[in-house]
Amino acid sequence: MKLKIATFILALSMGLCSYAQKIVYTDAAKFPVYGKISTETNERYERLPSKLENVSRKDVWKLGRSSAGLYIRFRSNTTSMRVKWQSTFDNEQNHMTDLGTRGLDLYALVEGEWRAVAPVRPTKKGVNEWTIIRNMRPEYREYMLYLSLYDGVKSLEIGVDEGAYLGQPEVASPSTEKPIVMYGSSILQGGCASRPGMAYTNIIGRRFDREVFNLGFSGNARLDMEIAHLMASVKDPGAFVLDFVPNSSDKLINEVAEKFFRVLRDAHPNVPVIFVEDPIFPRTAFDTKLHEEVVGRNIAMTQLFKRLKKAGEKKIYYVSAKKMLGDDGDATVDGSHFTDVGALRYVENIMPALKKALK
């Protein structure tokens, strides 16, 4: 009996030691960050270069400080992983989860495909600490940690088992060659994904195994010319995606959109450009004024595309909104911003144009 009790106590203590494995933190600044259109930012996890601070409208600049579309890549053989981070603004929204707004999202490369491991939930304002996963086999894996969609990241540390390896990625995935450069509204920025990995720009990055630059600005995709020049500054883009219509008006599209396009075309004569219509939101079936506005914006976008085609433009593509979200009303959170279902439907709708553009 004494031997059985001793064996039980030993087994219990070993289990507790395993559970309470000491975690060692490393500043994520030691690992590469992807999804940044410029490295010349004020802070590491921001999207806009510092030179635009006094050029861009204040709303655009502030939104550019969010980390939408950014992700950290690293490799480890740890059995458990924690993360410690601090958000820039501690934003909260009444139509989007805190996890999507200012949380993080971990993926691992499994047999050549990126698989969701677990999200990272913020539980308070200020510095947060969260156990992402435990009890894994001590195998070497490639990891991708998506950053917050509607907040910035002031500091970030990755914690692994004491003695475990934590180092640079060894697999070039997603590829950084010929990135997809996407410009648009709050929906493109990531609203209202349940977690960062479900923002449609991040889904597209995984589907095509290619880096995507997320230039989504909530309520502020108004064809600001400095953003056009920023997009044009990308050295070797694979494609440009223009999804600004939800924040525009037919008047703005008629007056400015072609000038915006010309900045991209003059810099990159042979790079495909994809024009995307305004989604047909569920509430347009009931809100007659909104229906009229959406139809007007999409007509203006169609006319722009036809003018460019008539002028002899090549490698331009058009994505209609007719089948973008389905007709069951389940694709949005609040009548306009996507649920995860909406994001997936959007991706399926735009993929044919992207495949043609990137072939």
Protein backbone atom coordinates (compact mmCIF):
# COMPACT_ATOMS: atom_id res chain seq x y z
CA MET A 1 0.00 0.00 0.00
CA LYS A 2 2.81 2.40 0.93
CA LEU A 3 4.49 1.64 -2.39
CA LYS A 4 1.28 2.43 -4.30
CA ILE A 5 0.83 5.71 -2.42
CA ALA A 6 4.46 6.67 -3.07
CA THR A 7 4.08 5.84 -6.75
CA PHE A 8 0.88 7.90 -6.93
CA ILE A 9 2.53 10.89 -5.24
CA LEU A 10 5.52 10.65 -7.59
CA ALA A 11 3.28 10.48 -10.64
CA LEU A 12 1.21 13.42 -9.37
CA SER A 13 4.29 15.51 -8.70
CA MET A 14 5.68 14.75 -12.15
CA GLY A 15 2.38 15.78 -13.68
CA LEU A 16 2.34 19.01 -11.72
CA CYS A 17 5.91 19.76 -12.76
CA SER A 18 4.95 19.16 -16.37
CA TYR A 19 1.89 21.39 -16.03
CA ALA A 20 3.90 24.11 -14.30
CA GLN A 21 6.69 24.05 -16.88
CA LYS A 22 8.70 27.25 -16.54
CA ILE A 23 8.08 29.67 -19.39
CA VAL A 24 10.83 31.89 -20.78
CA TYR A 25 9.80 35.01 -22.69
CA THR A 26 11.53 36.51 -25.73
CA ASP A 27 10.81 39.90 -27.27
CA ALA A 28 9.05 39.30 -30.60
CA ALA A 29 11.18 42.09 -32.08
CA LYS A 30 13.79 39.36 -32.63
CA PHE A 31 11.54 37.70 -35.21
CA PRO A 32 10.43 38.95 -38.63
CA VAL A 33 7.16 40.81 -38.98
CA TYR A 34 5.30 40.54 -42.28
CA GLY A 35 2.43 42.40 -43.91
CA LYS A 36 4.13 45.81 -43.59
CA ILE A 37 4.13 47.89 -46.74
CA SER A 38 6.91 50.01 -45.25
CA THR A 39 9.55 49.34 -42.61
CA GLU A 40 9.98 53.07 -41.90
CA THR A 41 7.25 53.30 -39.26
CA ASN A 42 7.33 55.09 -35.91
CA GLU A 43 6.60 51.84 -34.09
CA ARG A 44 7.33 48.30 -35.21
CA TYR A 45 3.75 47.06 -35.36
CA GLU A 46 2.24 49.96 -37.33
CA ARG A 47 1.30 50.05 -41.01
CA LEU A 48 1.98 53.58 -42.26
CA PRO A 49 5.44 55.11 -42.72
CA SER A 50 6.35 57.96 -40.40
CA LYS A 51 6.59 60.40 -43.32
CA LEU A 52 2.78 60.33 -43.62
CA GLU A 53 2.13 61.43 -40.05
CA ASN A 54 1.73 65.07 -41.02
CA VAL A 55 0.41 64.35 -44.51
CA SER A 56 -2.48 61.95 -44.05
CA ARG A 57 -5.80 62.94 -42.57
CA LYS A 58 -5.79 62.36 -38.79
CA ASP A 59 -8.28 59.49 -38.99
CA VAL A 60 -6.25 57.71 -41.66
CA TRP A 61 -3.03 58.15 -39.68
CA LYS A 62 -4.53 56.83 -36.46
CA LEU A 63 -6.07 53.82 -38.22
CA GLY A 64 -2.71 53.19 -39.82
CA ARG A 65 -1.28 52.64 -36.36
CA SER A 66 -3.37 49.47 -36.05
CA SER A 67 -1.64 46.18 -36.81
CA ALA A 68 -4.29 44.77 -39.18
CA GLY A 69 -2.74 42.21 -41.51
CA LEU A 70 0.60 42.06 -39.70
CA TYR A 71 1.99 38.77 -38.40
CA ILE A 72 5.09 37.41 -36.71
CA ARG A 73 6.88 34.31 -38.02
CA PHE A 74 9.03 31.99 -35.88
CA ARG A 75 9.97 28.36 -35.25
CA SER A 76 9.90 26.35 -32.01
CA ASN A 77 9.77 22.87 -30.52
CA THR A 78 8.06 23.98 -27.33
CA THR A 79 5.28 21.90 -25.76
CA SER A 80 3.46 25.00 -24.49
CA MET A 81 3.29 28.61 -25.54
CA ARG A 82 2.30 31.83 -23.86
CA VAL A 83 2.21 35.39 -25.06
CA LYS A 84 2.46 38.71 -23.28
CA TRP A 85 1.41 41.88 -25.07
CA GLN A 86 0.13 45.40 -24.63
CA SER A 87 -2.31 47.11 -26.98
CA THR A 88 -1.73 50.65 -28.14
CA PHE A 89 -5.21 52.02 -27.52
CA ASP A 90 -7.16 49.30 -25.63
CA ASN A 91 -10.01 49.73 -28.08
CA GLU A 92 -13.44 48.23 -27.50
CA GLN A 93 -16.31 48.02 -30.00
CA ASN A 94 -19.97 47.16 -29.62
CA HIS A 95 -20.15 45.12 -32.84
CA MET A 96 -16.86 43.20 -32.77
CA THR A 97 -15.30 40.81 -30.28
CA ASP A 98 -12.40 41.99 -28.13
CA LEU A 99 -10.50 39.02 -29.53
CA GLY A 100 -10.89 40.33 -33.08
CA THR A 101 -10.36 43.94 -32.07
CA ARG A 102 -7.21 43.64 -29.94
CA GLY A 103 -6.48 39.93 -29.62
CA LEU A 104 -3.93 37.76 -31.42
CA ASP A 105 -4.23 34.50 -33.37
CA LEU A 106 -1.71 31.63 -33.65
CA TYR A 107 -1.34 29.36 -36.68
CA ALA A 108 1.05 26.46 -37.35
CA LEU A 109 2.29 25.04 -40.64
CA VAL A 110 1.06 21.44 -40.90
CA GLU A 111 1.87 19.38 -44.00
CA GLY A 112 2.27 22.54 -46.07
CA GLU A 113 -0.93 24.23 -44.89
CA TRP A 114 -1.49 26.87 -42.23
CA ARG A 115 -3.74 25.52 -39.48
CA ALA A 116 -5.33 27.51 -36.67
CA VAL A 117 -3.84 26.55 -33.29
CA ALA A 118 -5.69 28.85 -30.89
CA PRO A 119 -6.60 32.53 -30.52
CA VAL A 120 -5.21 34.85 -27.87
CA ARG A 121 -7.90 36.56 -25.81
CA PRO A 122 -7.41 39.91 -24.08
CA THR A 123 -8.86 39.84 -20.58
CA LYS A 124 -8.10 43.35 -19.38
CA LYS A 125 -6.67 46.68 -20.40
CA GLY A 126 -2.94 47.24 -20.17
CA VAL A 127 -0.54 44.28 -20.33
CA ASN A 128 -2.20 40.93 -21.06
CA GLU A 129 -0.73 37.46 -20.64
CA TRP A 130 -2.32 34.34 -22.10
CA THR A 131 -1.54 30.66 -22.44
CA ILE A 132 -2.16 29.86 -26.09
CA ILE A 133 -1.53 26.13 -26.04
CA ARG A 134 -0.02 23.40 -23.84
CA ASN A 135 0.60 19.65 -23.94
CA MET A 136 1.96 19.64 -27.49
CA ARG A 137 4.53 17.10 -28.66
CA PRO A 138 8.04 18.61 -28.61
CA GLU A 139 8.24 18.78 -32.40
CA TYR A 140 9.75 21.58 -34.43
CA ARG A 141 7.01 23.64 -36.01
CA GLU A 142 6.71 26.83 -38.04
CA TYR A 143 4.37 29.38 -36.44
CA MET A 144 2.55 32.49 -37.60
CA LEU A 145 1.08 34.87 -35.03
CA TYR A 146 -1.48 37.31 -36.45
CA LEU A 147 -1.69 40.67 -34.69
CA SER A 148 -4.73 42.75 -33.72
CA LEU A 149 -7.11 44.09 -36.37
CA TYR A 150 -8.57 47.19 -34.72
CA ASP A 151 -5.83 48.14 -32.31
CA GLY A 152 -2.08 48.51 -32.33
CA VAL A 153 0.49 46.41 -30.50
CA LYS A 154 2.79 48.40 -28.25
CA SER A 155 4.85 45.45 -27.01
CA LEU A 156 4.88 41.72 -27.66
CA GLU A 157 6.71 38.78 -26.07
CA ILE A 158 6.51 35.08 -26.92
CA GLY A 159 6.91 32.54 -24.12
CA VAL A 160 8.07 28.93 -24.57
CA ASP A 161 9.27 26.11 -22.31
CA GLU A 162 12.58 26.71 -20.59
CA GLY A 163 15.23 25.02 -22.71
CA ALA A 164 13.01 24.81 -25.80
CA TYR A 165 14.16 26.19 -29.13
CA LEU A 166 12.68 29.50 -30.29
CA GLY A 167 14.21 30.95 -33.43
CA GLN A 168 13.86 32.28 -36.93
CA PRO A 169 11.49 30.65 -39.43
CA GLU A 170 13.08 28.19 -41.84
CA VAL A 171 10.22 27.91 -44.32
CA ALA A 172 9.47 30.80 -46.68
CA SER A 173 5.72 30.74 -46.16
CA PRO A 174 3.77 32.85 -46.88
CA SER A 175 5.98 33.92 -49.77
CA THR A 176 7.09 37.54 -49.76
CA GLU A 177 7.54 37.61 -53.52
CA LYS A 178 5.00 39.66 -55.48
CA PRO A 179 2.74 40.58 -52.54
CA ILE A 180 -0.94 41.38 -52.96
CA VAL A 181 -1.61 45.02 -52.09
CA MET A 182 -5.19 45.62 -50.90
CA TYR A 183 -6.85 48.98 -50.23
CA GLY A 184 -10.27 49.42 -48.71
CA SER A 185 -12.66 50.14 -45.90
CA SER A 186 -13.38 48.81 -42.40
CA ILE A 187 -14.38 45.46 -43.91
CA LEU A 188 -10.95 45.08 -45.50
CA GLN A 189 -9.29 46.19 -42.27
CA GLY A 190 -10.95 43.19 -40.63
CA GLY A 191 -14.38 44.22 -39.39
CA CYS A 192 -15.92 42.22 -37.86
CA ALA A 193 -13.84 39.05 -37.85
CA SER A 194 -14.21 36.95 -34.73
CA ARG A 195 -10.42 36.61 -34.52
CA PRO A 196 -7.51 38.09 -36.53
CA GLY A 197 -6.93 35.01 -38.69
CA MET A 198 -10.44 35.36 -40.12
CA ALA A 199 -9.98 38.81 -41.62
CA TYR A 200 -10.43 38.20 -45.33
CA THR A 201 -7.03 39.63 -46.25
CA ASN A 202 -5.45 37.06 -43.91
CA ILE A 203 -7.54 34.26 -45.40
CA ILE A 204 -6.39 35.31 -48.88
CA GLY A 205 -2.78 35.31 -47.68
CA ARG A 206 -3.15 31.67 -46.57
CA ARG A 207 -5.08 30.59 -49.66
CA PHE A 208 -2.41 31.95 -51.99
CA ASP A 209 0.51 31.39 -49.61
CA ARG A 210 1.53 34.95 -50.29
CA GLU A 211 2.16 38.11 -48.27
CA VAL A 212 -0.74 40.57 -48.30
CA PHE A 213 -0.51 44.25 -47.43
CA ASN A 214 -3.70 45.28 -45.62
CA LEU A 215 -4.44 48.96 -46.25
CA GLY A 216 -7.93 48.97 -44.80
CA PHE A 217 -9.03 52.17 -43.07
CA SER A 218 -12.33 52.01 -41.23
CA GLY A 219 -14.70 54.61 -42.67
CA ASN A 220 -11.81 56.31 -44.43
CA ALA A 221 -11.11 54.58 -47.74
CA ARG A 222 -11.73 57.87 -49.55
CA LEU A 223 -9.11 57.65 -52.28
CA ASP A 224 -6.45 59.66 -50.46
CA MET A 225 -3.66 60.17 -52.96
CA GLU A 226 -0.85 59.57 -50.48
CA ILE A 227 -2.18 56.03 -50.08
CA ALA A 228 -2.06 55.57 -53.86
CA HIS A 229 1.58 56.68 -53.86
CA LEU A 230 2.32 54.38 -50.92
CA MET A 231 0.85 51.43 -52.82
CA ALA A 232 2.79 52.42 -55.91
CA SER A 233 6.02 52.40 -53.87
CA VAL A 234 5.89 48.60 -53.51
CA LYS A 235 8.82 47.35 -55.60
CA ASP A 236 7.38 44.24 -57.21
CA PRO A 237 3.68 43.78 -56.39
CA GLY A 238 1.73 40.78 -57.65
CA ALA A 239 -1.60 42.59 -57.82
CA PHE A 240 -3.48 45.61 -56.54
CA VAL A 241 -6.98 45.18 -55.13
CA LEU A 242 -9.16 48.31 -54.92
CA ASP A 243 -12.05 47.73 -52.52
CA PHE A 244 -12.76 51.31 -51.48
CA VAL A 245 -16.36 51.63 -52.72
CA PRO A 246 -18.13 51.18 -49.32
CA ASN A 247 -16.53 54.43 -48.06
CA SER A 248 -16.91 56.40 -51.29
CA SER A 249 -19.71 58.17 -53.10
CA ASP A 250 -20.54 58.04 -56.78
CA LYS A 251 -19.30 61.64 -57.01
CA LEU A 252 -15.95 60.79 -55.40
CA ILE A 253 -15.50 57.76 -57.63
CA ASN A 254 -16.26 59.82 -60.74
CA GLU A 255 -13.88 62.60 -59.75
CA VAL A 256 -10.93 60.84 -58.09
CA ALA A 257 -10.85 57.08 -58.71
CA GLU A 258 -9.19 57.24 -62.13
CA LYS A 259 -6.48 59.55 -60.79
CA PHE A 260 -5.87 57.06 -57.98
CA PHE A 261 -5.64 54.23 -60.50
CA ARG A 262 -3.23 56.22 -62.72
CA VAL A 263 -0.75 56.54 -59.87
CA LEU A 264 -0.63 52.74 -59.63
CA ARG A 265 -0.58 52.17 -63.38
CA ASP A 266 2.15 54.74 -64.08
CA ALA A 267 4.39 53.07 -61.49
CA HIS A 268 3.53 49.50 -62.51
CA PRO A 269 2.30 49.27 -66.13
CA ASN A 270 2.01 45.48 -66.11
CA VAL A 271 0.67 44.77 -62.62
CA PRO A 272 -2.96 43.55 -62.53
CA VAL A 273 -5.52 45.77 -60.81
CA ILE A 274 -8.76 44.32 -59.43
CA PHE A 275 -11.78 46.57 -58.88
CA VAL A 276 -14.32 45.35 -56.31
CA GLU A 277 -17.92 46.51 -56.01
CA ASP A 278 -19.69 47.57 -52.85
CA PRO A 279 -21.28 44.50 -51.17
CA ILE A 280 -25.06 44.20 -51.42
CA PHE A 281 -25.73 44.40 -47.70
CA PRO A 282 -28.76 42.56 -46.26
CA ARG A 283 -30.41 45.76 -45.06
CA THR A 284 -30.46 47.22 -48.59
CA ALA A 285 -33.51 45.01 -49.14
CA PHE A 286 -35.34 47.18 -46.59
CA ASP A 287 -33.48 50.52 -46.46
CA THR A 288 -34.39 52.20 -49.75
CA LYS A 289 -31.97 55.10 -49.28
CA LEU A 290 -29.04 52.77 -48.62
CA HIS A 291 -30.05 50.65 -51.60
CA GLU A 292 -29.97 53.72 -53.83
CA GLU A 293 -26.53 54.72 -52.52
CA VAL A 294 -25.02 51.26 -53.02
CA VAL A 295 -26.43 50.99 -56.53
CA GLY A 296 -25.14 54.48 -57.37
CA ARG A 297 -21.64 53.70 -56.13
CA ASN A 298 -21.49 50.43 -58.02
CA ILE A 299 -22.72 52.06 -61.23
CA ALA A 300 -19.94 54.64 -60.89
CA MET A 301 -17.39 51.84 -60.38
CA THR A 302 -18.70 49.96 -63.42
CA GLN A 303 -18.49 53.07 -65.56
CA LEU A 304 -14.91 53.69 -64.44
CA PHE A 305 -13.93 50.14 -65.37
CA LYS A 306 -15.58 50.45 -68.80
CA ARG A 307 -13.78 53.76 -69.46
CA LEU A 308 -10.44 52.17 -68.63
CA LYS A 309 -11.19 49.19 -70.85
CA LYS A 310 -12.21 51.47 -73.71
CA ALA A 311 -8.99 53.43 -73.24
CA GLY A 312 -7.06 50.23 -73.87
CA GLU A 313 -6.12 49.26 -70.32
CA LYS A 314 -4.97 45.67 -69.96
CA LYS A 315 -4.75 43.45 -66.89
CA ILE A 316 -7.70 44.98 -65.10
CA TYR A 317 -10.39 42.82 -63.52
CA TYR A 318 -13.81 43.45 -62.07
CA VAL A 319 -15.52 41.70 -59.16
CA SER A 320 -19.29 42.05 -58.98
CA ALA A 321 -21.13 42.11 -55.67
CA LYS A 322 -24.15 40.18 -56.97
CA LYS A 323 -23.19 36.84 -55.43
CA MET A 324 -20.67 38.11 -52.92
CA LEU A 325 -22.54 37.58 -49.65
CA GLY A 326 -25.41 35.26 -50.51
CA ASP A 327 -29.04 36.10 -49.82
CA ASP A 328 -29.62 34.58 -46.38
CA GLY A 329 -28.51 37.63 -44.36
CA ASP A 330 -25.99 35.58 -42.37
CA ALA A 331 -22.88 37.20 -43.84
CA THR A 332 -22.82 40.32 -41.66
CA VAL A 333 -22.75 41.21 -37.97
CA ASP A 334 -24.57 44.51 -38.13
CA GLY A 335 -25.92 44.66 -41.65
CA SER A 336 -22.63 45.69 -43.23
CA HIS A 337 -19.51 44.30 -41.53
CA PHE A 338 -18.67 40.67 -42.27
CA THR A 339 -19.11 37.71 -40.01
CA ASP A 340 -16.59 34.91 -40.58
CA VAL A 341 -19.17 33.44 -42.97
CA GLY A 342 -19.21 36.71 -44.89
CA ALA A 343 -15.41 36.83 -45.05
CA LEU A 344 -15.26 33.30 -46.45
CA ARG A 345 -17.94 34.05 -49.04
CA TYR A 346 -16.10 37.20 -50.04
CA VAL A 347 -12.86 35.26 -50.51
CA GLU A 348 -14.58 32.66 -52.69
CA ASN A 349 -16.06 35.46 -54.78
CA ILE A 350 -12.78 37.30 -55.38
CA MET A 351 -10.54 34.25 -55.82
CA PRO A 352 -11.29 33.68 -59.54
CA ALA A 353 -10.14 37.23 -60.35
CA LEU A 354 -7.07 36.88 -58.14
CA LYS A 355 -6.15 33.55 -59.74
CA LYS A 356 -6.32 35.11 -63.20
CA ALA A 357 -4.35 38.14 -62.07
CA LEU A 358 -1.61 36.15 -60.35
CA LYS A 359 -1.09 33.39 -62.93
